[in-house]
Amino acid sequence: RNPFPDSTKQEEHADSIERIETLYLVQEKDLCCSCLKM
């Protein structure tokens, strides 16, 4: 509920956040190999 200019911009925000999520999972030191694969 913020007035982002258009849907494309909102998708850009979402894409950036998804990349954070991917980076976090890859760098999570406490994940064992099986958990990472899961």
PDB file of all heavy atoms in Angstrom:
ATOM      1  N   ARG A   1       0.811  -1.210   0.000  1.00  0.00           N
ATOM      2  CA  ARG A   1       0.000   0.000   0.000  1.00  0.00           C
ATOM      3  C   ARG A   1       0.856   1.277   0.000  1.00  0.00           C
ATOM      4  O   ARG A   1       0.637   2.187   0.772  1.00  0.00           O
ATOM      5  CB  ARG A   1      -0.993  -0.017   1.170  1.00  0.00           C
ATOM      6  CG  ARG A   1      -2.034  -1.112   1.042  1.00  0.00           C
ATOM      7  CD  ARG A   1      -2.948  -1.184   2.245  1.00  0.00           C
ATOM      8  NE  ARG A   1      -2.222  -1.534   3.448  1.00  0.00           N
ATOM      9  CZ  ARG A   1      -1.884  -2.781   3.788  1.00  0.00           C
ATOM     10  NH1 ARG A   1      -2.197  -3.795   3.016  1.00  0.00           N
ATOM     11  NH2 ARG A   1      -1.230  -3.015   4.904  1.00  0.00           N
ATOM     12  N   ASN A   2       1.853   1.285  -0.888  1.00  0.00           N
ATOM     13  CA  ASN A   2       2.620   2.483  -1.200  1.00  0.00           C
ATOM     14  C   ASN A   2       2.382   2.813  -2.677  1.00  0.00           C
ATOM     15  O   ASN A   2       2.137   1.908  -3.478  1.00  0.00           O
ATOM     16  CB  ASN A   2       4.113   2.252  -0.948  1.00  0.00           C
ATOM     17  CG  ASN A   2       4.484   2.430   0.517  1.00  0.00           C
ATOM     18  OD1 ASN A   2       4.590   3.544   1.021  1.00  0.00           O
ATOM     19  ND2 ASN A   2       4.673   1.307   1.203  1.00  0.00           N
ATOM     20  N   PRO A   3       2.448   4.081  -3.071  1.00  0.00           N
ATOM     21  CA  PRO A   3       2.150   4.456  -4.466  1.00  0.00           C
ATOM     22  C   PRO A   3       3.338   4.248  -5.409  1.00  0.00           C
ATOM     23  O   PRO A   3       3.817   5.195  -6.038  1.00  0.00           O
ATOM     24  CB  PRO A   3       1.789   5.941  -4.334  1.00  0.00           C
ATOM     25  CG  PRO A   3       2.615   6.413  -3.184  1.00  0.00           C
ATOM     26  CD  PRO A   3       2.631   5.261  -2.208  1.00  0.00           C
ATOM     27  N   PHE A   4       3.828   3.015  -5.518  1.00  0.00           N
ATOM     28  CA  PHE A   4       4.890   2.736  -6.475  1.00  0.00           C
ATOM     29  C   PHE A   4       4.386   3.085  -7.878  1.00  0.00           C
ATOM     30  O   PHE A   4       3.213   2.849  -8.197  1.00  0.00           O
ATOM     31  CB  PHE A   4       5.308   1.276  -6.395  1.00  0.00           C
ATOM     32  CG  PHE A   4       5.947   0.914  -5.073  1.00  0.00           C
ATOM     33  CD1 PHE A   4       5.368  -0.031  -4.238  1.00  0.00           C
ATOM     34  CD2 PHE A   4       7.119   1.520  -4.668  1.00  0.00           C
ATOM     35  CE1 PHE A   4       5.944  -0.353  -3.020  1.00  0.00           C
ATOM     36  CE2 PHE A   4       7.708   1.207  -3.455  1.00  0.00           C
ATOM     37  CZ  PHE A   4       7.121   0.273  -2.632  1.00  0.00           C
ATOM     38  N   PRO A   5       5.238   3.621  -8.732  1.00  0.00           N
ATOM     39  CA  PRO A   5       4.807   4.168 -10.033  1.00  0.00           C
ATOM     40  C   PRO A   5       3.963   3.233 -10.886  1.00  0.00           C
ATOM     41  O   PRO A   5       2.945   3.620 -11.420  1.00  0.00           O
ATOM     42  CB  PRO A   5       6.137   4.506 -10.723  1.00  0.00           C
ATOM     43  CG  PRO A   5       7.076   4.752  -9.602  1.00  0.00           C
ATOM     44  CD  PRO A   5       6.671   3.806  -8.514  1.00  0.00           C
ATOM     45  N   ASP A   6       4.384   1.969 -11.047  1.00  0.00           N
ATOM     46  CA  ASP A   6       3.619   1.050 -11.874  1.00  0.00           C
ATOM     47  C   ASP A   6       3.983  -0.376 -11.505  1.00  0.00           C
ATOM     48  O   ASP A   6       4.841  -0.625 -10.667  1.00  0.00           O
ATOM     49  CB  ASP A   6       3.887   1.288 -13.372  1.00  0.00           C
ATOM     50  CG  ASP A   6       5.375   1.297 -13.687  1.00  0.00           C
ATOM     51  OD1 ASP A   6       6.089   0.413 -13.178  1.00  0.00           O
ATOM     52  OD2 ASP A   6       5.808   2.185 -14.414  1.00  0.00           O
ATOM     53  N   SER A   7       3.303  -1.326 -12.107  1.00  0.00           N
ATOM     54  CA  SER A   7       3.494  -2.726 -11.775  1.00  0.00           C
ATOM     55  C   SER A   7       4.921  -3.189 -12.071  1.00  0.00           C
ATOM     56  O   SER A   7       5.469  -4.040 -11.380  1.00  0.00           O
ATOM     57  CB  SER A   7       2.498  -3.597 -12.552  1.00  0.00           C
ATOM     58  OG  SER A   7       2.656  -3.420 -13.952  1.00  0.00           O
ATOM     59  N   THR A   8       5.552  -2.610 -13.112  1.00  0.00           N
ATOM     60  CA  THR A   8       6.919  -2.997 -13.458  1.00  0.00           C
ATOM     61  C   THR A   8       7.866  -2.678 -12.315  1.00  0.00           C
ATOM     62  O   THR A   8       8.706  -3.485 -11.934  1.00  0.00           O
ATOM     63  CB  THR A   8       7.390  -2.249 -14.728  1.00  0.00           C
ATOM     64  OG1 THR A   8       6.483  -2.534 -15.780  1.00  0.00           O
ATOM     65  CG2 THR A   8       8.799  -2.670 -15.105  1.00  0.00           C
ATOM     66  N   LYS A   9       7.691  -1.477 -11.743  1.00  0.00           N
ATOM     67  CA  LYS A   9       8.539  -1.092 -10.627  1.00  0.00           C
ATOM     68  C   LYS A   9       8.338  -2.017  -9.442  1.00  0.00           C
ATOM     69  O   LYS A   9       9.268  -2.397  -8.754  1.00  0.00           O
ATOM     70  CB  LYS A   9       8.237   0.351 -10.206  1.00  0.00           C
ATOM     71  CG  LYS A   9       8.737   1.398 -11.180  1.00  0.00           C
ATOM     72  CD  LYS A   9      10.247   1.447 -11.187  1.00  0.00           C
ATOM     73  CE  LYS A   9      10.759   2.550 -12.099  1.00  0.00           C
ATOM     74  NZ  LYS A   9      12.242   2.573 -12.152  1.00  0.00           N
ATOM     75  N   GLN A  10       7.069  -2.390  -9.180  1.00  0.00           N
ATOM     76  CA  GLN A  10       6.794  -3.274  -8.069  1.00  0.00           C
ATOM     77  C   GLN A  10       7.443  -4.628  -8.296  1.00  0.00           C
ATOM     78  O   GLN A  10       7.958  -5.252  -7.369  1.00  0.00           O
ATOM     79  CB  GLN A  10       5.288  -3.418  -7.876  1.00  0.00           C
ATOM     80  CG  GLN A  10       4.628  -2.114  -7.440  1.00  0.00           C
ATOM     81  CD  GLN A  10       3.165  -2.280  -7.126  1.00  0.00           C
ATOM     82  OE1 GLN A  10       2.798  -3.191  -6.401  1.00  0.00           O
ATOM     83  NE2 GLN A  10       2.340  -1.411  -7.662  1.00  0.00           N
ATOM     84  N   GLU A  11       7.445  -5.095  -9.554  1.00  0.00           N
ATOM     85  CA  GLU A  11       8.089  -6.366  -9.861  1.00  0.00           C
ATOM     86  C   GLU A  11       9.593  -6.269  -9.641  1.00  0.00           C
ATOM     87  O   GLU A  11      10.233  -7.209  -9.175  1.00  0.00           O
ATOM     88  CB  GLU A  11       7.798  -6.764 -11.310  1.00  0.00           C
ATOM     89  CG  GLU A  11       6.358  -7.214 -11.529  1.00  0.00           C
ATOM     90  CD  GLU A  11       6.047  -7.438 -13.002  1.00  0.00           C
ATOM     91  OE1 GLU A  11       6.991  -7.329 -13.815  1.00  0.00           O
ATOM     92  OE2 GLU A  11       4.887  -7.726 -13.317  1.00  0.00           O
ATOM     93  N   GLU A  12      10.163  -5.087  -9.952  1.00  0.00           N
ATOM     94  CA  GLU A  12      11.594  -4.904  -9.726  1.00  0.00           C
ATOM     95  C   GLU A  12      11.923  -5.009  -8.246  1.00  0.00           C
ATOM     96  O   GLU A  12      12.914  -5.600  -7.854  1.00  0.00           O
ATOM     97  CB  GLU A  12      12.039  -3.538 -10.262  1.00  0.00           C
ATOM     98  CG  GLU A  12      12.077  -3.467 -11.782  1.00  0.00           C
ATOM     99  CD  GLU A  12      12.453  -2.080 -12.261  1.00  0.00           C
ATOM    100  OE1 GLU A  12      12.767  -1.228 -11.410  1.00  0.00           O
ATOM    101  OE2 GLU A  12      12.460  -1.853 -13.479  1.00  0.00           O
ATOM    102  N   HIS A  13      11.052  -4.409  -7.394  1.00  0.00           N
ATOM    103  CA  HIS A  13      11.267  -4.513  -5.953  1.00  0.00           C
ATOM    104  C   HIS A  13      11.220  -5.973  -5.527  1.00  0.00           C
ATOM    105  O   HIS A  13      12.051  -6.444  -4.760  1.00  0.00           O
ATOM    106  CB  HIS A  13      10.206  -3.715  -5.186  1.00  0.00           C
ATOM    107  CG  HIS A  13      10.266  -2.238  -5.440  1.00  0.00           C
ATOM    108  ND1 HIS A  13      11.451  -1.564  -5.591  1.00  0.00           N
ATOM    109  CD2 HIS A  13       9.272  -1.320  -5.561  1.00  0.00           C
ATOM    110  CE1 HIS A  13      11.201  -0.284  -5.798  1.00  0.00           C
ATOM    111  NE2 HIS A  13       9.887  -0.116  -5.788  1.00  0.00           N
ATOM    112  N   ALA A  14      10.231  -6.692  -6.014  1.00  0.00           N
ATOM    113  CA  ALA A  14      10.062  -8.092  -5.642  1.00  0.00           C
ATOM    114  C   ALA A  14      11.258  -8.925  -6.094  1.00  0.00           C
ATOM    115  O   ALA A  14      11.758  -9.765  -5.362  1.00  0.00           O
ATOM    116  CB  ALA A  14       8.775  -8.652  -6.254  1.00  0.00           C
ATOM    117  N   ASP A  15      11.747  -8.675  -7.332  1.00  0.00           N
ATOM    118  CA  ASP A  15      12.896  -9.417  -7.844  1.00  0.00           C
ATOM    119  C   ASP A  15      14.119  -9.211  -6.968  1.00  0.00           C
ATOM    120  O   ASP A  15      14.851 -10.146  -6.675  1.00  0.00           O
ATOM    121  CB  ASP A  15      13.220  -8.972  -9.278  1.00  0.00           C
ATOM    122  CG  ASP A  15      12.198  -9.493 -10.279  1.00  0.00           C
ATOM    123  OD1 ASP A  15      11.437 -10.419  -9.918  1.00  0.00           O
ATOM    124  OD2 ASP A  15      12.172  -8.973 -11.394  1.00  0.00           O
ATOM    125  N   SER A  16      14.328  -7.969  -6.548  1.00  0.00           N
ATOM    126  CA  SER A  16      15.492  -7.683  -5.717  1.00  0.00           C
ATOM    127  C   SER A  16      15.418  -8.437  -4.401  1.00  0.00           C
ATOM    128  O   SER A  16      16.404  -8.965  -3.913  1.00  0.00           O
ATOM    129  CB  SER A  16      15.576  -6.170  -5.428  1.00  0.00           C
ATOM    130  OG  SER A  16      15.744  -5.443  -6.630  1.00  0.00           O
ATOM    131  N   ILE A  17      14.216  -8.492  -3.827  1.00  0.00           N
ATOM    132  CA  ILE A  17      14.053  -9.177  -2.552  1.00  0.00           C
ATOM    133  C   ILE A  17      14.243 -10.675  -2.722  1.00  0.00           C
ATOM    134  O   ILE A  17      14.826 -11.339  -1.883  1.00  0.00           O
ATOM    135  CB  ILE A  17      12.663  -8.862  -1.954  1.00  0.00           C
ATOM    136  CG1 ILE A  17      12.564  -7.366  -1.643  1.00  0.00           C
ATOM    137  CG2 ILE A  17      12.422  -9.665  -0.678  1.00  0.00           C
ATOM    138  CD1 ILE A  17      11.185  -6.892  -1.325  1.00  0.00           C
ATOM    139  N   GLU A  18      13.778 -11.223  -3.848  1.00  0.00           N
ATOM    140  CA  GLU A  18      13.966 -12.645  -4.088  1.00  0.00           C
ATOM    141  C   GLU A  18      15.445 -12.991  -4.193  1.00  0.00           C
ATOM    142  O   GLU A  18      15.882 -14.033  -3.749  1.00  0.00           O
ATOM    143  CB  GLU A  18      13.231 -13.056  -5.360  1.00  0.00           C
ATOM    144  CG  GLU A  18      11.719 -13.130  -5.173  1.00  0.00           C
ATOM    145  CD  GLU A  18      10.992 -13.360  -6.479  1.00  0.00           C
ATOM    146  OE1 GLU A  18      11.669 -13.640  -7.484  1.00  0.00           O
ATOM    147  OE2 GLU A  18       9.765 -13.268  -6.486  1.00  0.00           O
ATOM    148  N   ARG A  19      16.229 -12.059  -4.767  1.00  0.00           N
ATOM    149  CA  ARG A  19      17.653 -12.329  -4.862  1.00  0.00           C
ATOM    150  C   ARG A  19      18.295 -12.329  -3.487  1.00  0.00           C
ATOM    151  O   ARG A  19      19.220 -13.080  -3.214  1.00  0.00           O
ATOM    152  CB  ARG A  19      18.320 -11.268  -5.756  1.00  0.00           C
ATOM    153  CG  ARG A  19      18.069 -11.503  -7.241  1.00  0.00           C
ATOM    154  CD  ARG A  19      19.011 -10.659  -8.074  1.00  0.00           C
ATOM    155  NE  ARG A  19      18.659  -9.253  -8.044  1.00  0.00           N
ATOM    156  CZ  ARG A  19      17.750  -8.705  -8.822  1.00  0.00           C
ATOM    157  NH1 ARG A  19      17.081  -9.437  -9.681  1.00  0.00           N
ATOM    158  NH2 ARG A  19      17.491  -7.420  -8.747  1.00  0.00           N
ATOM    159  N   ILE A  20      17.775 -11.505  -2.573  1.00  0.00           N
ATOM    160  CA  ILE A  20      18.260 -11.529  -1.196  1.00  0.00           C
ATOM    161  C   ILE A  20      17.989 -12.891  -0.581  1.00  0.00           C
ATOM    162  O   ILE A  20      18.826 -13.490   0.072  1.00  0.00           O
ATOM    163  CB  ILE A  20      17.568 -10.422  -0.359  1.00  0.00           C
ATOM    164  CG1 ILE A  20      18.024  -9.042  -0.808  1.00  0.00           C
ATOM    165  CG2 ILE A  20      17.876 -10.589   1.120  1.00  0.00           C
ATOM    166  CD1 ILE A  20      17.262  -7.904  -0.189  1.00  0.00           C
ATOM    167  N   GLU A  21      16.793 -13.384  -0.817  1.00  0.00           N
ATOM    168  CA  GLU A  21      16.418 -14.693  -0.259  1.00  0.00           C
ATOM    169  C   GLU A  21      17.341 -15.784  -0.762  1.00  0.00           C
ATOM    170  O   GLU A  21      17.807 -16.631  -0.008  1.00  0.00           O
ATOM    171  CB  GLU A  21      14.968 -14.988  -0.636  1.00  0.00           C
ATOM    172  CG  GLU A  21      14.499 -16.385  -0.263  1.00  0.00           C
ATOM    173  CD  GLU A  21      14.379 -17.274  -1.482  1.00  0.00           C
ATOM    174  OE1 GLU A  21      14.093 -16.759  -2.555  1.00  0.00           O
ATOM    175  OE2 GLU A  21      14.594 -18.483  -1.347  1.00  0.00           O
ATOM    176  N   THR A  22      17.664 -15.771  -2.066  1.00  0.00           N
ATOM    177  CA  THR A  22      18.542 -16.782  -2.635  1.00  0.00           C
ATOM    178  C   THR A  22      19.939 -16.675  -2.036  1.00  0.00           C
ATOM    179  O   THR A  22      20.552 -17.659  -1.654  1.00  0.00           O
ATOM    180  CB  THR A  22      18.621 -16.611  -4.169  1.00  0.00           C
ATOM    181  OG1 THR A  22      17.306 -16.733  -4.707  1.00  0.00           O
ATOM    182  CG2 THR A  22      19.505 -17.685  -4.794  1.00  0.00           C
ATOM    183  N   LEU A  23      20.442 -15.449  -1.930  1.00  0.00           N
ATOM    184  CA  LEU A  23      21.768 -15.231  -1.377  1.00  0.00           C
ATOM    185  C   LEU A  23      21.836 -15.713   0.060  1.00  0.00           C
ATOM    186  O   LEU A  23      22.794 -16.343   0.483  1.00  0.00           O
ATOM    187  CB  LEU A  23      22.116 -13.740  -1.460  1.00  0.00           C
ATOM    188  CG  LEU A  23      23.503 -13.313  -0.970  1.00  0.00           C
ATOM    189  CD1 LEU A  23      24.569 -13.961  -1.858  1.00  0.00           C
ATOM    190  CD2 LEU A  23      23.655 -11.807  -1.007  1.00  0.00           C
ATOM    191  N   TYR A  24      20.788 -15.443   0.812  1.00  0.00           N
ATOM    192  CA  TYR A  24      20.754 -15.846   2.220  1.00  0.00           C
ATOM    193  C   TYR A  24      20.826 -17.361   2.359  1.00  0.00           C
ATOM    194  O   TYR A  24      21.566 -17.890   3.170  1.00  0.00           O
ATOM    195  CB  TYR A  24      19.462 -15.325   2.866  1.00  0.00           C
ATOM    196  CG  TYR A  24      19.326 -15.707   4.320  1.00  0.00           C
ATOM    197  CD1 TYR A  24      19.921 -14.937   5.319  1.00  0.00           C
ATOM    198  CD2 TYR A  24      18.619 -16.839   4.698  1.00  0.00           C
ATOM    199  CE1 TYR A  24      19.813 -15.290   6.642  1.00  0.00           C
ATOM    200  CE2 TYR A  24      18.508 -17.199   6.015  1.00  0.00           C
ATOM    201  CZ  TYR A  24      19.101 -16.415   6.990  1.00  0.00           C
ATOM    202  OH  TYR A  24      18.984 -16.774   8.310  1.00  0.00           O
ATOM    203  N   LEU A  25      20.075 -18.073   1.537  1.00  0.00           N
ATOM    204  CA  LEU A  25      20.066 -19.525   1.628  1.00  0.00           C
ATOM    205  C   LEU A  25      21.417 -20.116   1.252  1.00  0.00           C
ATOM    206  O   LEU A  25      21.890 -21.047   1.887  1.00  0.00           O
ATOM    207  CB  LEU A  25      18.973 -20.101   0.720  1.00  0.00           C
ATOM    208  CG  LEU A  25      17.534 -19.858   1.188  1.00  0.00           C
ATOM    209  CD1 LEU A  25      16.554 -20.328   0.129  1.00  0.00           C
ATOM    210  CD2 LEU A  25      17.256 -20.565   2.498  1.00  0.00           C
ATOM    211  N   VAL A  26      22.045 -19.568   0.249  1.00  0.00           N
ATOM    212  CA  VAL A  26      23.331 -20.095  -0.199  1.00  0.00           C
ATOM    213  C   VAL A  26      24.398 -19.871   0.856  1.00  0.00           C
ATOM    214  O   VAL A  26      25.255 -20.714   1.088  1.00  0.00           O
ATOM    215  CB  VAL A  26      23.753 -19.417  -1.528  1.00  0.00           C
ATOM    216  CG1 VAL A  26      25.186 -19.769  -1.878  1.00  0.00           C
ATOM    217  CG2 VAL A  26      22.822 -19.865  -2.643  1.00  0.00           C
ATOM    218  N   GLN A  27      24.325 -18.722   1.540  1.00  0.00           N
ATOM    219  CA  GLN A  27      25.367 -18.382   2.495  1.00  0.00           C
ATOM    220  C   GLN A  27      25.062 -18.822   3.926  1.00  0.00           C
ATOM    221  O   GLN A  27      25.844 -18.573   4.827  1.00  0.00           O
ATOM    222  CB  GLN A  27      25.594 -16.870   2.482  1.00  0.00           C
ATOM    223  CG  GLN A  27      26.213 -16.377   1.173  1.00  0.00           C
ATOM    224  CD  GLN A  27      26.596 -14.925   1.258  1.00  0.00           C
ATOM    225  OE1 GLN A  27      26.155 -14.212   2.156  1.00  0.00           O
ATOM    226  NE2 GLN A  27      27.421 -14.462   0.333  1.00  0.00           N
ATOM    227  N   GLU A  28      23.949 -19.456   4.155  1.00  0.00           N
ATOM    228  CA  GLU A  28      23.595 -19.889   5.501  1.00  0.00           C
ATOM    229  C   GLU A  28      24.568 -20.970   5.973  1.00  0.00           C
ATOM    230  O   GLU A  28      24.567 -22.101   5.486  1.00  0.00           O
ATOM    231  CB  GLU A  28      22.152 -20.423   5.505  1.00  0.00           C
ATOM    232  CG  GLU A  28      21.702 -20.940   6.856  1.00  0.00           C
ATOM    233  CD  GLU A  28      21.863 -19.897   7.935  1.00  0.00           C
ATOM    234  OE1 GLU A  28      21.189 -18.870   7.859  1.00  0.00           O
ATOM    235  OE2 GLU A  28      22.672 -20.125   8.843  1.00  0.00           O
ATOM    236  N   LYS A  29      25.445 -20.602   6.917  1.00  0.00           N
ATOM    237  CA  LYS A  29      26.524 -21.489   7.341  1.00  0.00           C
ATOM    238  C   LYS A  29      26.028 -22.708   8.110  1.00  0.00           C
ATOM    239  O   LYS A  29      26.702 -23.739   8.161  1.00  0.00           O
ATOM    240  CB  LYS A  29      27.518 -20.704   8.208  1.00  0.00           C
ATOM    241  CG  LYS A  29      28.213 -19.586   7.444  1.00  0.00           C
ATOM    242  CD  LYS A  29      29.148 -18.814   8.349  1.00  0.00           C
ATOM    243  CE  LYS A  29      29.824 -17.686   7.586  1.00  0.00           C
ATOM    244  NZ  LYS A  29      30.725 -16.902   8.454  1.00  0.00           N
ATOM    245  N   ASP A  30      24.882 -22.586   8.737  1.00  0.00           N
ATOM    246  CA  ASP A  30      24.393 -23.675   9.578  1.00  0.00           C
ATOM    247  C   ASP A  30      23.667 -24.767   8.804  1.00  0.00           C
ATOM    248  O   ASP A  30      23.261 -25.768   9.382  1.00  0.00           O
ATOM    249  CB  ASP A  30      23.459 -23.111  10.664  1.00  0.00           C
ATOM    250  CG  ASP A  30      24.205 -22.211  11.631  1.00  0.00           C
ATOM    251  OD1 ASP A  30      25.416 -22.422  11.817  1.00  0.00           O
ATOM    252  OD2 ASP A  30      23.573 -21.305  12.180  1.00  0.00           O
ATOM    253  N   LEU A  31      23.448 -24.570   7.506  1.00  0.00           N
ATOM    254  CA  LEU A  31      22.735 -25.580   6.723  1.00  0.00           C
ATOM    255  C   LEU A  31      23.664 -26.720   6.331  1.00  0.00           C
ATOM    256  O   LEU A  31      24.746 -26.499   5.791  1.00  0.00           O
ATOM    257  CB  LEU A  31      22.157 -24.943   5.450  1.00  0.00           C
ATOM    258  CG  LEU A  31      20.850 -24.154   5.573  1.00  0.00           C
ATOM    259  CD1 LEU A  31      20.457 -23.587   4.229  1.00  0.00           C
ATOM    260  CD2 LEU A  31      19.735 -25.000   6.122  1.00  0.00           C
ATOM    261  N   CYS A  32      23.243 -27.939   6.631  1.00  0.00           N
ATOM    262  CA  CYS A  32      23.991 -29.094   6.165  1.00  0.00           C
ATOM    263  C   CYS A  32      23.654 -29.329   4.686  1.00  0.00           C
ATOM    264  O   CYS A  32      22.743 -28.718   4.136  1.00  0.00           O
ATOM    265  CB  CYS A  32      23.640 -30.326   6.986  1.00  0.00           C
ATOM    266  SG  CYS A  32      21.909 -30.814   6.851  1.00  0.00           S
ATOM    267  N   CYS A  33      24.371 -30.242   4.051  1.00  0.00           N
ATOM    268  CA  CYS A  33      24.175 -30.487   2.618  1.00  0.00           C
ATOM    269  C   CYS A  33      22.755 -30.940   2.310  1.00  0.00           C
ATOM    270  O   CYS A  33      22.137 -30.505   1.347  1.00  0.00           O
ATOM    271  CB  CYS A  33      25.172 -31.539   2.136  1.00  0.00           C
ATOM    272  SG  CYS A  33      26.879 -30.944   2.161  1.00  0.00           S
ATOM    273  N   SER A  34      22.219 -31.824   3.151  1.00  0.00           N
ATOM    274  CA  SER A  34      20.873 -32.345   2.898  1.00  0.00           C
ATOM    275  C   SER A  34      19.815 -31.264   3.056  1.00  0.00           C
ATOM    276  O   SER A  34      18.848 -31.191   2.285  1.00  0.00           O
ATOM    277  CB  SER A  34      20.574 -33.522   3.839  1.00  0.00           C
ATOM    278  OG  SER A  34      20.661 -33.111   5.185  1.00  0.00           O
ATOM    279  N   CYS A  35      19.993 -30.378   4.057  1.00  0.00           N
ATOM    280  CA  CYS A  35      19.025 -29.293   4.268  1.00  0.00           C
ATOM    281  C   CYS A  35      19.081 -28.291   3.106  1.00  0.00           C
ATOM    282  O   CYS A  35      18.046 -27.813   2.638  1.00  0.00           O
ATOM    283  CB  CYS A  35      19.307 -28.569   5.585  1.00  0.00           C
ATOM    284  SG  CYS A  35      18.938 -29.541   7.049  1.00  0.00           S
ATOM    285  N   LEU A  36      20.295 -28.000   2.643  1.00  0.00           N
ATOM    286  CA  LEU A  36      20.431 -27.077   1.533  1.00  0.00           C
ATOM    287  C   LEU A  36      19.773 -27.630   0.277  1.00  0.00           C
ATOM    288  O   LEU A  36      19.075 -26.923  -0.447  1.00  0.00           O
ATOM    289  CB  LEU A  36      21.916 -26.795   1.266  1.00  0.00           C
ATOM    290  CG  LEU A  36      22.222 -25.807   0.135  1.00  0.00           C
ATOM    291  CD1 LEU A  36      21.561 -24.460   0.408  1.00  0.00           C
ATOM    292  CD2 LEU A  36      23.722 -25.651  -0.023  1.00  0.00           C
ATOM    293  N   LYS A  37      19.958 -28.929   0.042  1.00  0.00           N
ATOM    294  CA  LYS A  37      19.344 -29.562  -1.120  1.00  0.00           C
ATOM    295  C   LYS A  37      17.825 -29.522  -1.015  1.00  0.00           C
ATOM    296  O   LYS A  37      17.110 -29.278  -1.988  1.00  0.00           O
ATOM    297  CB  LYS A  37      19.825 -31.005  -1.241  1.00  0.00           C
ATOM    298  CG  LYS A  37      19.302 -31.704  -2.498  1.00  0.00           C
ATOM    299  CD  LYS A  37      19.880 -33.107  -2.609  1.00  0.00           C
ATOM    300  CE  LYS A  37      19.362 -33.787  -3.873  1.00  0.00           C
ATOM    301  NZ  LYS A  37      19.901 -35.170  -4.006  1.00  0.00           N
ATOM    302  N   MET A  38      17.314 -29.735   0.200  1.00  0.00           N
ATOM    303  CA  MET A  38      15.869 -29.705   0.419  1.00  0.00           C
ATOM    304  C   MET A  38      15.310 -28.317   0.113  1.00  0.00           C
ATOM    305  O   MET A  38      14.267 -28.181  -0.540  1.00  0.00           O
ATOM    306  CB  MET A  38      15.572 -30.082   1.881  1.00  0.00           C
ATOM    307  CG  MET A  38      14.102 -30.364   2.163  1.00  0.00           C
ATOM    308  SD  MET A  38      13.830 -30.777   3.915  1.00  0.00           S
ATOM    309  CE  MET A  38      14.942 -32.164   4.117  1.00  0.00           C
TER     310      MET A  38
END
